[in-house]
C-alpha atoms as a PDB file:
ATOM      1  CA  MET A   1      46.224  30.026  -1.752  1.00  0.00           C
ATOM      2  CA  THR A   2      45.128  30.289   1.883  1.00  0.00           C
ATOM      3  CA  ARG A   3      43.098  33.443   1.174  1.00  0.00           C
ATOM      4  CA  LYS A   4      41.254  31.741  -1.655  1.00  0.00           C
ATOM      5  CA  LEU A   5      40.505  28.749   0.531  1.00  0.00           C
ATOM      6  CA  CYS A   6      39.229  30.974   3.359  1.00  0.00           C
ATOM      7  CA  LEU A   7      37.044  32.905   0.922  1.00  0.00           C
ATOM      8  CA  ALA A   8      35.637  29.662  -0.507  1.00  0.00           C
ATOM      9  CA  VAL A   9      34.797  28.387   3.000  1.00  0.00           C
ATOM     10  CA  VAL A  10      33.072  31.673   3.929  1.00  0.00           C
ATOM     11  CA  VAL A  11      31.030  31.637   0.717  1.00  0.00           C
ATOM     12  CA  MET A  12      29.988  28.022   1.329  1.00  0.00           C
ATOM     13  CA  LEU A  13      28.967  28.793   4.905  1.00  0.00           C
ATOM     14  CA  PHE A  14      26.856  31.800   3.983  1.00  0.00           C
ATOM     15  CA  ALA A  15      25.419  30.583   0.666  1.00  0.00           C
ATOM     16  CA  PRO A  16      22.293  28.991   2.228  1.00  0.00           C
ATOM     17  CA  VAL A  17      21.551  32.204   4.113  1.00  0.00           C
ATOM     18  CA  LEU A  18      22.031  34.333   1.002  1.00  0.00           C
ATOM     19  CA  PHE A  19      19.811  32.101  -1.136  1.00  0.00           C
ATOM     20  CA  ALA A  20      17.105  31.957   1.545  1.00  0.00           C
ATOM     21  CA  GLN A  21      17.206  35.746   1.817  1.00  0.00           C
ATOM     22  CA  SER A  22      16.721  36.186  -1.943  1.00  0.00           C
ATOM     23  CA  ALA A  23      13.746  33.783  -1.865  1.00  0.00           C
ATOM     24  CA  ARG A  24      12.155  35.700   1.015  1.00  0.00           C
ATOM     25  CA  THR A  25      12.795  38.937  -0.801  1.00  0.00           C
ATOM     26  CA  ALA A  26      10.995  37.708  -3.931  1.00  0.00           C
ATOM     27  CA  GLU A  27       8.118  36.353  -1.855  1.00  0.00           C
ATOM     28  CA  ASP A  28       7.875  39.653   0.036  1.00  0.00           C
ATOM     29  CA  GLN A  29       7.948  41.601  -3.238  1.00  0.00           C
ATOM     30  CA  VAL A  30       5.072  39.530  -4.559  1.00  0.00           C
ATOM     31  CA  TRP A  31       3.172  39.916  -1.292  1.00  0.00           C
ATOM     32  CA  SER A  32       3.479  43.703  -1.566  1.00  0.00           C
ATOM     33  CA  GLN A  33       2.022  43.396  -5.080  1.00  0.00           C
ATOM     34  CA  GLU A  34      -0.922  41.412  -3.657  1.00  0.00           C
ATOM     35  CA  GLN A  35      -1.505  44.251  -1.196  1.00  0.00           C
ATOM     36  CA  ALA A  36      -1.334  46.789  -4.029  1.00  0.00           C
ATOM     37  CA  TYR A  37      -3.828  44.653  -5.995  1.00  0.00           C
ATOM     38  CA  TRP A  38      -6.466  45.108  -3.290  1.00  0.00           C
ATOM     39  CA  GLN A  39      -5.698  48.771  -2.797  1.00  0.00           C
ATOM     40  CA  TYR A  40      -6.284  49.293  -6.536  1.00  0.00           C
ATOM     41  CA  VAL A  41      -9.632  47.507  -6.247  1.00  0.00           C
ATOM     42  CA  LYS A  42     -10.584  49.717  -3.295  1.00  0.00           C
ATOM     43  CA  THR A  43      -9.667  52.948  -5.097  1.00  0.00           C
ATOM     44  CA  GLY A  44     -11.132  51.793  -8.414  1.00  0.00           C
ATOM     45  CA  ASP A  45      -7.811  52.204 -10.249  1.00  0.00           C
ATOM     46  CA  LEU A  46      -8.470  49.633 -12.980  1.00  0.00           C
ATOM     47  CA  ASP A  47      -5.454  50.679 -15.096  1.00  0.00           C
ATOM     48  CA  ALA A  48      -3.051  50.043 -12.214  1.00  0.00           C
ATOM     49  CA  TYR A  49      -4.916  46.807 -11.442  1.00  0.00           C
ATOM     50  CA  ARG A  50      -4.555  45.604 -15.066  1.00  0.00           C
ATOM     51  CA  SER A  51      -0.823  46.399 -14.977  1.00  0.00           C
ATOM     52  CA  LEU A  52      -0.350  43.601 -12.428  1.00  0.00           C
ATOM     53  CA  TRP A  53      -1.418  40.916 -14.903  1.00  0.00           C
ATOM     54  CA  HIS A  54       0.726  39.088 -17.430  1.00  0.00           C
ATOM     55  CA  GLU A  55      -0.439  39.198 -21.059  1.00  0.00           C
ATOM     56  CA  ASN A  56      -0.751  35.385 -21.107  1.00  0.00           C
ATOM     57  CA  PHE A  57      -2.724  35.147 -17.858  1.00  0.00           C
ATOM     58  CA  LEU A  58      -5.068  32.192 -17.439  1.00  0.00           C
ATOM     59  CA  GLY A  59      -7.072  31.729 -14.271  1.00  0.00           C
ATOM     60  CA  TRP A  60     -10.411  30.829 -12.797  1.00  0.00           C
ATOM     61  CA  PRO A  61     -12.086  33.321 -10.475  1.00  0.00           C
ATOM     62  CA  TYR A  62     -14.886  31.681  -8.520  1.00  0.00           C
ATOM     63  CA  ILE A  63     -17.465  34.154  -9.835  1.00  0.00           C
ATOM     64  CA  SER A  64     -16.698  33.102 -13.401  1.00  0.00           C
ATOM     65  CA  PRO A  65     -18.367  30.038 -14.941  1.00  0.00           C
ATOM     66  CA  GLU A  66     -15.382  29.598 -17.264  1.00  0.00           C
ATOM     67  CA  PRO A  67     -11.625  30.194 -17.049  1.00  0.00           C
ATOM     68  CA  ALA A  68     -10.643  33.814 -17.693  1.00  0.00           C
ATOM     69  CA  ARG A  69      -7.911  35.623 -19.609  1.00  0.00           C
ATOM     70  CA  LYS A  70      -6.458  39.074 -18.983  1.00  0.00           C
ATOM     71  CA  ALA A  71      -9.280  40.702 -20.983  1.00  0.00           C
ATOM     72  CA  GLN A  72     -11.796  39.526 -18.336  1.00  0.00           C
ATOM     73  CA  ILE A  73      -9.878  40.329 -15.151  1.00  0.00           C
ATOM     74  CA  THR A  74     -11.856  43.438 -14.259  1.00  0.00           C
ATOM     75  CA  ASN A  75     -15.280  41.864 -14.899  1.00  0.00           C
ATOM     76  CA  TRP A  76     -15.831  40.993 -11.248  1.00  0.00           C
ATOM     77  CA  ILE A  77     -14.998  44.545 -10.147  1.00  0.00           C
ATOM     78  CA  LYS A  78     -17.380  45.993 -12.743  1.00  0.00           C
ATOM     79  CA  LEU A  79     -20.176  43.708 -11.482  1.00  0.00           C
ATOM     80  CA  HIS A  80     -19.884  45.485  -8.140  1.00  0.00           C
ATOM     81  CA  THR A  81     -19.333  49.021  -9.384  1.00  0.00           C
ATOM     82  CA  ASP A  82     -22.136  48.793 -11.962  1.00  0.00           C
ATOM     83  CA  GLN A  83     -24.482  48.089  -9.039  1.00  0.00           C
ATOM     84  CA  GLY A  84     -23.096  51.093  -7.155  1.00  0.00           C
ATOM     85  CA  ASP A  85     -21.026  49.016  -4.728  1.00  0.00           C
ATOM     86  CA  SER A  86     -17.610  50.091  -3.520  1.00  0.00           C
ATOM     87  CA  LEU A  87     -15.017  48.161  -1.576  1.00  0.00           C
ATOM     88  CA  GLN A  88     -14.921  49.695   1.897  1.00  0.00           C
ATOM     89  CA  ASP A  89     -12.487  47.423   3.663  1.00  0.00           C
ATOM     90  CA  TYR A  90     -10.552  44.195   3.270  1.00  0.00           C
ATOM     91  CA  ASN A  91      -8.416  41.957   5.435  1.00  0.00           C
ATOM     92  CA  LEU A  92      -5.706  39.728   3.955  1.00  0.00           C
ATOM     93  CA  GLN A  93      -4.459  36.629   5.760  1.00  0.00           C
ATOM     94  CA  ARG A  94      -1.144  35.650   4.215  1.00  0.00           C
ATOM     95  CA  LEU A  95      -0.652  31.901   4.126  1.00  0.00           C
ATOM     96  CA  VAL A  96       2.075  30.091   2.150  1.00  0.00           C
ATOM     97  CA  SER A  97       4.365  31.444  -0.571  1.00  0.00           C
ATOM     98  CA  GLN A  98       6.919  29.564  -2.597  1.00  0.00           C
ATOM     99  CA  GLN A  99       9.535  30.735  -5.080  1.00  0.00           C
ATOM    100  CA  THR A 100      10.720  28.519  -7.901  1.00  0.00           C
ATOM    101  CA  GLY A 101      13.098  30.368 -10.187  1.00  0.00           C
ATOM    102  CA  ASP A 102      11.286  33.368 -11.670  1.00  0.00           C
ATOM    103  CA  LEU A 103       7.920  32.188 -10.325  1.00  0.00           C
ATOM    104  CA  VAL A 104       6.351  32.886  -6.947  1.00  0.00           C
ATOM    105  CA  THR A 105       3.114  31.234  -5.904  1.00  0.00           C
ATOM    106  CA  THR A 106       1.292  32.868  -3.025  1.00  0.00           C
ATOM    107  CA  THR A 107      -1.833  31.845  -1.135  1.00  0.00           C
ATOM    108  CA  TYR A 108      -4.094  33.792   1.196  1.00  0.00           C
ATOM    109  CA  ARG A 109      -7.574  34.259   2.566  1.00  0.00           C
ATOM    110  CA  ILE A 110      -9.430  37.540   2.226  1.00  0.00           C
ATOM    111  CA  SER A 111     -12.478  39.091   3.847  1.00  0.00           C
ATOM    112  CA  LEU A 112     -14.106  41.947   1.947  1.00  0.00           C
ATOM    113  CA  THR A 113     -16.694  44.504   3.026  1.00  0.00           C
ATOM    114  CA  TRP A 114     -18.696  46.117   0.242  1.00  0.00           C
ATOM    115  CA  ALA A 115     -20.936  49.167   0.643  1.00  0.00           C
ATOM    116  CA  GLY A 116     -23.916  49.598  -1.654  1.00  0.00           C
ATOM    117  CA  LYS A 117     -25.139  52.903  -3.022  1.00  0.00           C
ATOM    118  CA  ASN A 118     -28.223  52.675  -0.808  1.00  0.00           C
ATOM    119  CA  GLY A 119     -26.110  52.305   2.332  1.00  0.00           C
ATOM    120  CA  THR A 120     -26.412  48.543   2.610  1.00  0.00           C
ATOM    121  CA  GLY A 121     -23.347  46.416   3.020  1.00  0.00           C
ATOM    122  CA  SER A 122     -22.274  42.912   2.206  1.00  0.00           C
ATOM    123  CA  SER A 123     -19.319  40.672   2.990  1.00  0.00           C
ATOM    124  CA  ASP A 124     -17.365  38.270   0.905  1.00  0.00           C
ATOM    125  CA  HIS A 125     -14.787  35.724   2.073  1.00  0.00           C
ATOM    126  CA  SER A 126     -12.549  33.734  -0.241  1.00  0.00           C
ATOM    127  CA  ARG A 127      -9.256  31.951  -0.641  1.00  0.00           C
ATOM    128  CA  ILE A 128      -6.894  32.864  -3.442  1.00  0.00           C
ATOM    129  CA  ILE A 129      -3.833  31.396  -5.124  1.00  0.00           C
ATOM    130  CA  HIS A 130      -1.785  33.408  -7.636  1.00  0.00           C
ATOM    131  CA  THR A 131       1.371  32.486  -9.487  1.00  0.00           C
ATOM    132  CA  TRP A 132       3.477  35.511 -10.348  1.00  0.00           C
ATOM    133  CA  ILE A 133       6.251  35.576 -12.941  1.00  0.00           C
ATOM    134  CA  ARG A 134       9.205  37.949 -12.939  1.00  0.00           C
ATOM    135  CA  GLY A 135       9.655  39.538 -16.352  1.00  0.00           C
ATOM    136  CA  SER A 136      12.889  40.582 -18.018  1.00  0.00           C
ATOM    137  CA  ASP A 137      12.160  44.085 -16.699  1.00  0.00           C
ATOM    138  CA  GLY A 138      12.251  42.715 -13.120  1.00  0.00           C
ATOM    139  CA  ARG A 139       8.536  43.355 -12.535  1.00  0.00           C
ATOM    140  CA  TRP A 140       6.275  40.673 -11.105  1.00  0.00           C
ATOM    141  CA  ARG A 141       2.985  39.960 -12.903  1.00  0.00           C
ATOM    142  CA  ILE A 142       0.199  37.456 -12.256  1.00  0.00           C
ATOM    143  CA  LEU A 143       0.493  34.542 -14.675  1.00  0.00           C
ATOM    144  CA  SER A 144      -2.237  32.310 -13.258  1.00  0.00           C
ATOM    145  CA  GLY A 145      -4.616  32.112 -10.357  1.00  0.00           C
ATOM    146  CA  MET A 146      -7.759  30.700  -8.884  1.00  0.00           C
ATOM    147  CA  SER A 147     -10.165  31.661  -6.122  1.00  0.00           C
ATOM    148  CA  ALA A 148     -12.882  29.898  -4.165  1.00  0.00           C
ATOM    149  CA  PRO A 149     -15.370  30.989  -1.518  1.00  0.00           C
ATOM    150  CA  LEU A 150     -14.570  29.980   2.039  1.00  0.00           C
ATOM    151  CA  ASN A 151     -16.699  27.181   3.446  1.00  0.00           C
ATOM    152  CA  SER A 152     -18.759  27.442   6.637  1.00  0.00           C
ATOM    153  CA  ASN A 153     -15.629  26.622   8.687  1.00  0.00           C
ATOM    154  CA  GLY A 154     -13.727  29.555   7.184  1.00  0.00           C
ATOM    155  CA  ARG A 155     -11.521  27.270   5.106  1.00  0.00           C
END
């Protein structure tokens, strides 16, 4: 009886730490997927990029006049590549993430540097929110999201 009581006390003492660790782990897993997302854009690997998106995705990229589904997720990349642009560099600023069950919502700012085929360059700065869902296979996929350009104050 004493062993069971001691075990119960130990579990109760460490439960908050264990649950917090699993939440951080999920948030870190999703953050690594966000980093992969941008690496796929940079290398032009559209198949790998598409694999990050849930079949029922609904979002609103700021370059789109209407909400988008999974079928439209590479449109913004093609706008650049069709003009001969390539993503040269990017900088992610991780902000807030939150796990709720099998969902993780993550927010960040990004600065992009594009190079044109004629040697000219351009920059783009935006803020992004994605909600990722963990599937039965354990993989995280983007279920919804939205982006907006940064204002003149960088916000």
